[in-house]
Amino acid sequence: MRLLRAHHITNLVAVVDSFLPRASANPKGGRPVILHINETIALMLFSSFVAPQRTLKGIYNWAQTYYYRRFRLPSYKSFVRKCHQALAGMLFILDKLLVKDAPLRLWTLPCCMSVSW
């Protein structure tokens, strides 16, 4: 039985932000970013913990259903582009968290401690 609730994603976003700092805004201005790469990584990881999805469309629909207040989601086409951009960062984070001798491991994070597998 999985005990993660919707508010636990905030802790996961904080952990992702600690590994990958967000890029600062463009000093020349421009359009604001709707969904940061870190938030995309957190959505993909959290959806695999809570409601395992098989496709990006499933993750997108899940995020639209349960997290429409927390995240401003772009169109599906832009979301897929963000997921592809986030792969390098997600691999970096998973590599750091899944190492056997790491001081901080995935299962010791506050957002994952209450999960009973």
Foldseek 3Di string as FASTA:
>chain_A
DFDFDPVLLVLQLVVLCVQPPFDDDDPVDDDDDQATLSNLLSLQVVCCRPPNDDDLVVSVVVCVVRPVPPGPDDDSVVSVVSNVVNPVSNVVVQVQQPDPPHPHHPCPRPSNVRTDD
